[in-house]
């Protein structure tokens, strides 16, 4: 009788790199990605009190005026190192404590990371340059940010079927981008969101109406009607100041 214990199969190492479309038969690979984090405040009568600590910092950032709260502001930080986001955020919150009646709306905080689907023709452009260029584009003063979570049924779809469902959504977004009406920032937030959301979406553009209309049109896609569990809360802002001198 063979009493020798069977050894458990060796597990393969996890590949955590981002992978883009092949070029000349070789896949594009990167270990770099951006983290973006949005903080929202209410009760600030003078936005310069929020802008001051950001000016002294070292991160790309955007300060928004909140459409739905006349004394509200949003602050978006951008960094490759998530620890840098924490440092900038805590510095901002310490300064905010000095502002009378300023309320930090923690339920509106959104954090996400850029990611690749494996089809990107220029991986570095997609992960690092395009998101930064979109949010810091002076011709795109309007922005809508929101988180979303898909239903579990979506993840049980066959891979090709998932691609078909997502393709309808993507074509709609590309049509708005081609007309100069809207550009998007797509971030994954699995495990990063306190409400178990999976993605953070940013829509930016020269006017607010097309951003709202794009969201309206997306409500009619198969992904939204069948496979979205939740959307929002929505932050709607107009750029007060951009900090793009870091690069």
C-alpha atoms as a PDB file:
ATOM      1  CA  UNK A   1       0.000   0.000   0.000  1.00  0.00           C
ATOM      2  CA  UNK A   2       1.341   3.356  -0.952  1.00  0.00           C
ATOM      3  CA  UNK A   3       1.133   5.477   2.195  1.00  0.00           C
ATOM      4  CA  UNK A   4       3.033   8.430   0.767  1.00  0.00           C
ATOM      5  CA  UNK A   5       0.977  11.574   0.961  1.00  0.00           C
ATOM      6  CA  UNK A   6       0.214  13.336  -2.268  1.00  0.00           C
ATOM      7  CA  UNK A   7       1.732  16.745  -2.491  1.00  0.00           C
ATOM      8  CA  UNK A   8      -0.731  19.551  -3.189  1.00  0.00           C
ATOM      9  CA  UNK A   9      -0.389  20.995  -6.677  1.00  0.00           C
ATOM     10  CA  UNK A  10       1.874  24.010  -6.883  1.00  0.00           C
ATOM     11  CA  UNK A  11      -0.058  27.206  -7.411  1.00  0.00           C
ATOM     12  CA  UNK A  12       0.913  29.489 -10.249  1.00  0.00           C
ATOM     13  CA  UNK A  13       2.151  32.970  -9.277  1.00  0.00           C
ATOM     14  CA  UNK A  14      -0.437  35.706  -9.657  1.00  0.00           C
ATOM     15  CA  UNK A  15       0.314  38.159 -12.454  1.00  0.00           C
ATOM     16  CA  UNK A  16      -0.735  41.599 -11.169  1.00  0.00           C
ATOM     17  CA  UNK A  17       0.518  43.555 -14.152  1.00  0.00           C
ATOM     18  CA  UNK A  18      -1.739  45.506 -16.488  1.00  0.00           C
ATOM     19  CA  UNK A  19      -1.816  44.033 -19.998  1.00  0.00           C
ATOM     20  CA  UNK A  20      -2.702  45.838 -23.230  1.00  0.00           C
ATOM     21  CA  UNK A  21      -3.145  44.774 -26.843  1.00  0.00           C
ATOM     22  CA  UNK A  22      -0.120  43.056 -28.450  1.00  0.00           C
ATOM     23  CA  UNK A  23       2.247  45.070 -30.616  1.00  0.00           C
ATOM     24  CA  UNK A  24       4.105  43.013 -33.241  1.00  0.00           C
ATOM     25  CA  UNK A  25       2.969  39.892 -31.418  1.00  0.00           C
ATOM     26  CA  UNK A  26       4.235  41.007 -28.010  1.00  0.00           C
ATOM     27  CA  UNK A  27       1.763  42.033 -25.263  1.00  0.00           C
ATOM     28  CA  UNK A  28       2.090  45.442 -23.656  1.00  0.00           C
ATOM     29  CA  UNK A  29       2.755  45.104 -19.938  1.00  0.00           C
ATOM     30  CA  UNK A  30       2.900  47.688 -17.165  1.00  0.00           C
ATOM     31  CA  UNK A  31       3.161  47.759 -13.388  1.00  0.00           C
ATOM     32  CA  UNK A  32       2.033  51.383 -13.256  1.00  0.00           C
ATOM     33  CA  UNK A  33      -1.449  52.807 -12.725  1.00  0.00           C
ATOM     34  CA  UNK A  34      -3.098  55.928 -11.365  1.00  0.00           C
ATOM     35  CA  UNK A  35      -5.204  56.254  -8.228  1.00  0.00           C
ATOM     36  CA  UNK A  36      -7.822  59.015  -8.122  1.00  0.00           C
ATOM     37  CA  UNK A  37      -9.761  60.105  -5.056  1.00  0.00           C
ATOM     38  CA  UNK A  38     -12.640  62.563  -4.762  1.00  0.00           C
ATOM     39  CA  UNK A  39     -13.467  64.372  -1.492  1.00  0.00           C
ATOM     40  CA  UNK A  40     -16.598  66.485  -1.075  1.00  0.00           C
ATOM     41  CA  UNK A  41     -17.247  69.349   1.371  1.00  0.00           C
ATOM     42  CA  UNK A  42     -20.237  71.500   2.220  1.00  0.00           C
ATOM     43  CA  UNK A  43     -20.393  74.835   4.010  1.00  0.00           C
ATOM     44  CA  UNK A  44     -17.338  76.569   2.553  1.00  0.00           C
ATOM     45  CA  UNK A  45     -18.144  80.191   1.746  1.00  0.00           C
ATOM     46  CA  UNK A  46     -14.583  80.874   0.556  1.00  0.00           C
ATOM     47  CA  UNK A  47     -13.065  78.152  -1.648  1.00  0.00           C
ATOM     48  CA  UNK A  48      -9.629  79.743  -1.258  1.00  0.00           C
ATOM     49  CA  UNK A  49      -9.459  78.097   2.163  1.00  0.00           C
ATOM     50  CA  UNK A  50      -9.592  74.716   0.439  1.00  0.00           C
ATOM     51  CA  UNK A  51      -7.349  75.726  -2.458  1.00  0.00           C
ATOM     52  CA  UNK A  52      -4.491  76.970  -0.243  1.00  0.00           C
ATOM     53  CA  UNK A  53      -3.291  73.577   1.119  1.00  0.00           C
ATOM     54  CA  UNK A  54      -3.570  72.025  -2.358  1.00  0.00           C
ATOM     55  CA  UNK A  55      -1.370  74.765  -3.843  1.00  0.00           C
ATOM     56  CA  UNK A  56       1.301  73.869  -1.297  1.00  0.00           C
ATOM     57  CA  UNK A  57       1.080  70.169  -2.135  1.00  0.00           C
ATOM     58  CA  UNK A  58       2.744  68.125  -4.845  1.00  0.00           C
ATOM     59  CA  UNK A  59      -0.150  66.271  -6.490  1.00  0.00           C
ATOM     60  CA  UNK A  60      -2.181  66.930  -9.598  1.00  0.00           C
ATOM     61  CA  UNK A  61      -5.605  67.995  -8.396  1.00  0.00           C
ATOM     62  CA  UNK A  62      -8.896  69.627  -9.337  1.00  0.00           C
ATOM     63  CA  UNK A  63     -11.144  71.781  -7.151  1.00  0.00           C
ATOM     64  CA  UNK A  64     -14.808  71.817  -8.175  1.00  0.00           C
ATOM     65  CA  UNK A  65     -17.756  73.991  -7.195  1.00  0.00           C
ATOM     66  CA  UNK A  66     -20.682  71.705  -6.317  1.00  0.00           C
ATOM     67  CA  UNK A  67     -23.745  72.293  -8.517  1.00  0.00           C
ATOM     68  CA  UNK A  68     -26.178  70.879  -5.962  1.00  0.00           C
ATOM     69  CA  UNK A  69     -24.746  72.569  -2.863  1.00  0.00           C
ATOM     70  CA  UNK A  70     -24.137  76.350  -3.190  1.00  0.00           C
ATOM     71  CA  UNK A  71     -21.480  76.211  -0.450  1.00  0.00           C
ATOM     72  CA  UNK A  72     -20.071  72.853  -1.586  1.00  0.00           C
ATOM     73  CA  UNK A  73     -16.772  71.871  -3.165  1.00  0.00           C
ATOM     74  CA  UNK A  74     -15.190  68.719  -4.475  1.00  0.00           C
ATOM     75  CA  UNK A  75     -11.460  68.005  -4.466  1.00  0.00           C
ATOM     76  CA  UNK A  76      -9.994  65.377  -6.794  1.00  0.00           C
ATOM     77  CA  UNK A  77      -6.454  64.119  -6.148  1.00  0.00           C
ATOM     78  CA  UNK A  78      -4.391  62.116  -8.673  1.00  0.00           C
ATOM     79  CA  UNK A  79      -1.325  59.995  -7.854  1.00  0.00           C
ATOM     80  CA  UNK A  80       0.397  56.734  -8.721  1.00  0.00           C
ATOM     81  CA  UNK A  81       1.084  56.069  -5.047  1.00  0.00           C
ATOM     82  CA  UNK A  82      -2.099  55.637  -2.953  1.00  0.00           C
ATOM     83  CA  UNK A  83      -0.123  56.627   0.140  1.00  0.00           C
ATOM     84  CA  UNK A  84       0.388  60.053  -1.453  1.00  0.00           C
ATOM     85  CA  UNK A  85      -3.384  60.384  -1.707  1.00  0.00           C
ATOM     86  CA  UNK A  86      -3.678  59.690   2.013  1.00  0.00           C
ATOM     87  CA  UNK A  87      -1.077  62.316   2.880  1.00  0.00           C
ATOM     88  CA  UNK A  88      -2.715  64.966   0.696  1.00  0.00           C
ATOM     89  CA  UNK A  89      -6.192  64.122   1.971  1.00  0.00           C
ATOM     90  CA  UNK A  90      -5.231  64.294   5.628  1.00  0.00           C
ATOM     91  CA  UNK A  91      -3.415  67.571   5.112  1.00  0.00           C
ATOM     92  CA  UNK A  92      -6.526  68.979   3.448  1.00  0.00           C
ATOM     93  CA  UNK A  93      -8.814  67.723   6.221  1.00  0.00           C
ATOM     94  CA  UNK A  94      -6.597  69.200   8.925  1.00  0.00           C
ATOM     95  CA  UNK A  95      -6.815  72.550   7.178  1.00  0.00           C
ATOM     96  CA  UNK A  96     -10.565  72.119   6.744  1.00  0.00           C
ATOM     97  CA  UNK A  97     -11.009  71.849  10.507  1.00  0.00           C
ATOM     98  CA  UNK A  98      -9.994  75.506  10.726  1.00  0.00           C
ATOM     99  CA  UNK A  99     -12.958  76.560   8.560  1.00  0.00           C
ATOM    100  CA  UNK A 100     -16.110  77.287  10.597  1.00  0.00           C
ATOM    101  CA  UNK A 101     -19.199  75.288   9.572  1.00  0.00           C
ATOM    102  CA  UNK A 102     -17.294  73.246   6.971  1.00  0.00           C
ATOM    103  CA  UNK A 103     -18.787  69.743   6.701  1.00  0.00           C
ATOM    104  CA  UNK A 104     -16.878  66.800   5.230  1.00  0.00           C
ATOM    105  CA  UNK A 105     -19.315  64.546   3.370  1.00  0.00           C
ATOM    106  CA  UNK A 106     -17.658  61.147   3.799  1.00  0.00           C
ATOM    107  CA  UNK A 107     -20.545  59.378   2.029  1.00  0.00           C
ATOM    108  CA  UNK A 108     -19.448  61.092  -1.211  1.00  0.00           C
ATOM    109  CA  UNK A 109     -15.811  59.949  -1.122  1.00  0.00           C
ATOM    110  CA  UNK A 110     -14.833  57.986  -4.237  1.00  0.00           C
ATOM    111  CA  UNK A 111     -11.550  56.149  -4.790  1.00  0.00           C
ATOM    112  CA  UNK A 112     -10.499  54.162  -7.841  1.00  0.00           C
ATOM    113  CA  UNK A 113      -7.573  52.939  -9.918  1.00  0.00           C
ATOM    114  CA  UNK A 114      -6.974  52.899 -13.644  1.00  0.00           C
ATOM    115  CA  UNK A 115      -6.994  49.447 -15.214  1.00  0.00           C
ATOM    116  CA  UNK A 116      -6.559  47.695 -18.548  1.00  0.00           C
ATOM    117  CA  UNK A 117      -8.948  45.320 -20.305  1.00  0.00           C
ATOM    118  CA  UNK A 118      -6.278  43.769 -22.526  1.00  0.00           C
ATOM    119  CA  UNK A 119      -7.419  45.579 -25.676  1.00  0.00           C
ATOM    120  CA  UNK A 120      -5.722  48.969 -25.232  1.00  0.00           C
ATOM    121  CA  UNK A 121      -3.585  49.917 -28.294  1.00  0.00           C
ATOM    122  CA  UNK A 122      -1.416  52.206 -26.136  1.00  0.00           C
ATOM    123  CA  UNK A 123      -1.286  50.882 -22.583  1.00  0.00           C
ATOM    124  CA  UNK A 124       0.668  53.694 -20.930  1.00  0.00           C
ATOM    125  CA  UNK A 125      -1.528  56.316 -22.577  1.00  0.00           C
ATOM    126  CA  UNK A 126      -4.634  54.575 -21.209  1.00  0.00           C
ATOM    127  CA  UNK A 127      -3.332  53.987 -17.677  1.00  0.00           C
ATOM    128  CA  UNK A 128      -1.406  57.185 -17.001  1.00  0.00           C
ATOM    129  CA  UNK A 129      -1.864  59.944 -19.551  1.00  0.00           C
ATOM    130  CA  UNK A 130      -5.457  59.908 -20.789  1.00  0.00           C
ATOM    131  CA  UNK A 131      -7.179  60.031 -17.353  1.00  0.00           C
ATOM    132  CA  UNK A 132      -4.924  62.874 -16.210  1.00  0.00           C
ATOM    133  CA  UNK A 133      -5.395  64.789 -19.476  1.00  0.00           C
ATOM    134  CA  UNK A 134      -9.173  64.430 -19.284  1.00  0.00           C
ATOM    135  CA  UNK A 135      -9.625  65.692 -15.726  1.00  0.00           C
ATOM    136  CA  UNK A 136      -7.055  68.474 -16.177  1.00  0.00           C
ATOM    137  CA  UNK A 137      -8.290  69.620 -19.588  1.00  0.00           C
ATOM    138  CA  UNK A 138      -9.099  73.360 -19.277  1.00  0.00           C
ATOM    139  CA  UNK A 139     -11.677  72.951 -22.056  1.00  0.00           C
ATOM    140  CA  UNK A 140     -13.614  70.434 -19.919  1.00  0.00           C
ATOM    141  CA  UNK A 141     -14.879  72.481 -16.942  1.00  0.00           C
ATOM    142  CA  UNK A 142     -17.914  70.297 -16.163  1.00  0.00           C
ATOM    143  CA  UNK A 143     -17.749  66.917 -14.457  1.00  0.00           C
ATOM    144  CA  UNK A 144     -20.058  64.216 -13.136  1.00  0.00           C
ATOM    145  CA  UNK A 145     -18.590  61.521 -10.851  1.00  0.00           C
ATOM    146  CA  UNK A 146     -20.417  58.458  -9.593  1.00  0.00           C
ATOM    147  CA  UNK A 147     -19.781  54.882  -8.392  1.00  0.00           C
ATOM    148  CA  UNK A 148     -21.571  51.773  -9.616  1.00  0.00           C
ATOM    149  CA  UNK A 149     -21.953  48.108  -8.786  1.00  0.00           C
ATOM    150  CA  UNK A 150     -22.993  45.344 -11.166  1.00  0.00           C
ATOM    151  CA  UNK A 151     -25.311  42.468 -10.359  1.00  0.00           C
ATOM    152  CA  UNK A 152     -23.703  39.085  -9.758  1.00  0.00           C
ATOM    153  CA  UNK A 153     -25.479  37.753 -12.855  1.00  0.00           C
ATOM    154  CA  UNK A 154     -23.141  39.782 -15.041  1.00  0.00           C
ATOM    155  CA  UNK A 155     -20.094  37.902 -13.781  1.00  0.00           C
ATOM    156  CA  UNK A 156     -21.744  34.575 -14.576  1.00  0.00           C
ATOM    157  CA  UNK A 157     -22.043  35.476 -18.257  1.00  0.00           C
ATOM    158  CA  UNK A 158     -19.759  33.742 -20.738  1.00  0.00           C
ATOM    159  CA  UNK A 159     -16.740  35.909 -21.556  1.00  0.00           C
ATOM    160  CA  UNK A 160     -17.821  36.644 -25.130  1.00  0.00           C
ATOM    161  CA  UNK A 161     -21.313  37.617 -23.982  1.00  0.00           C
ATOM    162  CA  UNK A 162     -19.839  40.007 -21.429  1.00  0.00           C
ATOM    163  CA  UNK A 163     -17.831  41.622 -24.197  1.00  0.00           C
ATOM    164  CA  UNK A 164     -20.943  42.101 -26.307  1.00  0.00           C
ATOM    165  CA  UNK A 165     -22.830  43.756 -23.438  1.00  0.00           C
ATOM    166  CA  UNK A 166     -19.927  46.067 -22.623  1.00  0.00           C
ATOM    167  CA  UNK A 167     -19.390  46.859 -26.305  1.00  0.00           C
ATOM    168  CA  UNK A 168     -22.801  48.513 -26.615  1.00  0.00           C
ATOM    169  CA  UNK A 169     -21.969  50.767 -23.688  1.00  0.00           C
ATOM    170  CA  UNK A 170     -18.505  51.572 -25.058  1.00  0.00           C
ATOM    171  CA  UNK A 171     -19.799  52.506 -28.523  1.00  0.00           C
ATOM    172  CA  UNK A 172     -22.186  55.012 -26.988  1.00  0.00           C
ATOM    173  CA  UNK A 173     -19.374  56.614 -25.008  1.00  0.00           C
ATOM    174  CA  UNK A 174     -17.130  56.775 -28.071  1.00  0.00           C
ATOM    175  CA  UNK A 175     -19.829  58.544 -30.091  1.00  0.00           C
ATOM    176  CA  UNK A 176     -20.028  61.309 -27.469  1.00  0.00           C
ATOM    177  CA  UNK A 177     -16.224  61.548 -27.338  1.00  0.00           C
ATOM    178  CA  UNK A 178     -15.954  61.748 -31.138  1.00  0.00           C
ATOM    179  CA  UNK A 179     -18.289  64.753 -31.118  1.00  0.00           C
ATOM    180  CA  UNK A 180     -16.281  66.484 -28.401  1.00  0.00           C
ATOM    181  CA  UNK A 181     -19.248  66.300 -26.031  1.00  0.00           C
ATOM    182  CA  UNK A 182     -17.815  64.095 -23.274  1.00  0.00           C
ATOM    183  CA  UNK A 183     -14.777  62.098 -22.245  1.00  0.00           C
ATOM    184  CA  UNK A 184     -14.765  59.460 -19.542  1.00  0.00           C
ATOM    185  CA  UNK A 185     -12.471  58.271 -16.791  1.00  0.00           C
ATOM    186  CA  UNK A 186     -13.080  54.638 -15.853  1.00  0.00           C
ATOM    187  CA  UNK A 187     -11.694  53.431 -12.551  1.00  0.00           C
ATOM    188  CA  UNK A 188     -11.941  50.110 -10.725  1.00  0.00           C
ATOM    189  CA  UNK A 189     -12.659  50.306  -6.997  1.00  0.00           C
ATOM    190  CA  UNK A 190     -13.058  46.653  -5.966  1.00  0.00           C
ATOM    191  CA  UNK A 191     -12.273  46.503  -2.253  1.00  0.00           C
ATOM    192  CA  UNK A 192     -11.523  50.233  -2.124  1.00  0.00           C
ATOM    193  CA  UNK A 193     -15.081  51.480  -1.608  1.00  0.00           C
ATOM    194  CA  UNK A 194     -16.853  51.455   1.763  1.00  0.00           C
ATOM    195  CA  UNK A 195     -20.171  50.552   0.071  1.00  0.00           C
ATOM    196  CA  UNK A 196     -18.748  47.679  -2.004  1.00  0.00           C
ATOM    197  CA  UNK A 197     -18.999  49.528  -5.298  1.00  0.00           C
ATOM    198  CA  UNK A 198     -16.913  48.132  -8.137  1.00  0.00           C
ATOM    199  CA  UNK A 199     -16.242  51.081 -10.420  1.00  0.00           C
ATOM    200  CA  UNK A 200     -16.014  54.870 -10.301  1.00  0.00           C
ATOM    201  CA  UNK A 201     -16.940  56.733 -13.480  1.00  0.00           C
ATOM    202  CA  UNK A 202     -16.021  60.305 -14.291  1.00  0.00           C
ATOM    203  CA  UNK A 203     -17.586  62.172 -17.217  1.00  0.00           C
ATOM    204  CA  UNK A 204     -16.018  65.490 -18.204  1.00  0.00           C
ATOM    205  CA  UNK A 205     -16.839  67.922 -20.987  1.00  0.00           C
ATOM    206  CA  UNK A 206     -17.267  71.528 -22.111  1.00  0.00           C
ATOM    207  CA  UNK A 207     -21.000  71.650 -21.246  1.00  0.00           C
ATOM    208  CA  UNK A 208     -23.136  69.975 -18.591  1.00  0.00           C
ATOM    209  CA  UNK A 209     -26.126  68.972 -20.717  1.00  0.00           C
ATOM    210  CA  UNK A 210     -24.292  66.386 -22.889  1.00  0.00           C
ATOM    211  CA  UNK A 211     -22.937  64.677 -19.757  1.00  0.00           C
ATOM    212  CA  UNK A 212     -26.451  64.363 -18.369  1.00  0.00           C
ATOM    213  CA  UNK A 213     -27.754  63.195 -21.733  1.00  0.00           C
ATOM    214  CA  UNK A 214     -25.030  60.548 -21.993  1.00  0.00           C
ATOM    215  CA  UNK A 215     -26.079  59.094 -18.647  1.00  0.00           C
ATOM    216  CA  UNK A 216     -29.697  59.170 -19.808  1.00  0.00           C
ATOM    217  CA  UNK A 217     -28.808  57.323 -23.018  1.00  0.00           C
ATOM    218  CA  UNK A 218     -26.763  54.759 -21.097  1.00  0.00           C
ATOM    219  CA  UNK A 219     -29.819  53.912 -18.983  1.00  0.00           C
ATOM    220  CA  UNK A 220     -31.278  52.255 -22.080  1.00  0.00           C
ATOM    221  CA  UNK A 221     -28.346  49.898 -22.715  1.00  0.00           C
ATOM    222  CA  UNK A 222     -28.532  46.233 -21.831  1.00  0.00           C
ATOM    223  CA  UNK A 223     -25.772  46.590 -19.247  1.00  0.00           C
ATOM    224  CA  UNK A 224     -27.695  49.209 -17.268  1.00  0.00           C
ATOM    225  CA  UNK A 225     -31.203  47.773 -17.644  1.00  0.00           C
ATOM    226  CA  UNK A 226     -30.217  44.195 -16.765  1.00  0.00           C
ATOM    227  CA  UNK A 227     -26.902  44.118 -14.945  1.00  0.00           C
ATOM    228  CA  UNK A 228     -26.425  47.279 -12.849  1.00  0.00           C
ATOM    229  CA  UNK A 229     -27.224  46.833  -9.156  1.00  0.00           C
ATOM    230  CA  UNK A 230     -26.711  50.441  -8.078  1.00  0.00           C
ATOM    231  CA  UNK A 231     -25.543  53.848  -9.323  1.00  0.00           C
ATOM    232  CA  UNK A 232     -24.525  56.891  -7.325  1.00  0.00           C
ATOM    233  CA  UNK A 233     -24.423  59.025  -5.356  1.00  0.00           C
ATOM    234  CA  UNK A 234     -23.650  61.557  -8.089  1.00  0.00           C
ATOM    235  CA  UNK A 235     -21.317  64.503  -7.667  1.00  0.00           C
ATOM    236  CA  UNK A 236     -21.814  67.275 -10.241  1.00  0.00           C
ATOM    237  CA  UNK A 237     -19.178  69.985 -10.314  1.00  0.00           C
ATOM    238  CA  UNK A 238     -17.658  72.795 -12.315  1.00  0.00           C
ATOM    239  CA  UNK A 239     -13.919  73.386 -12.167  1.00  0.00           C
ATOM    240  CA  UNK A 240     -12.864  76.140  -9.800  1.00  0.00           C
ATOM    241  CA  UNK A 241      -9.132  75.494 -10.237  1.00  0.00           C
ATOM    242  CA  UNK A 242      -6.867  72.848 -11.757  1.00  0.00           C
ATOM    243  CA  UNK A 243      -3.380  71.982 -10.595  1.00  0.00           C
ATOM    244  CA  UNK A 244      -1.579  70.508 -13.587  1.00  0.00           C
ATOM    245  CA  UNK A 245       1.914  71.888 -13.135  1.00  0.00           C
ATOM    246  CA  UNK A 246       3.225  68.702 -11.531  1.00  0.00           C
ATOM    247  CA  UNK A 247       4.277  67.036 -14.813  1.00  0.00           C
END
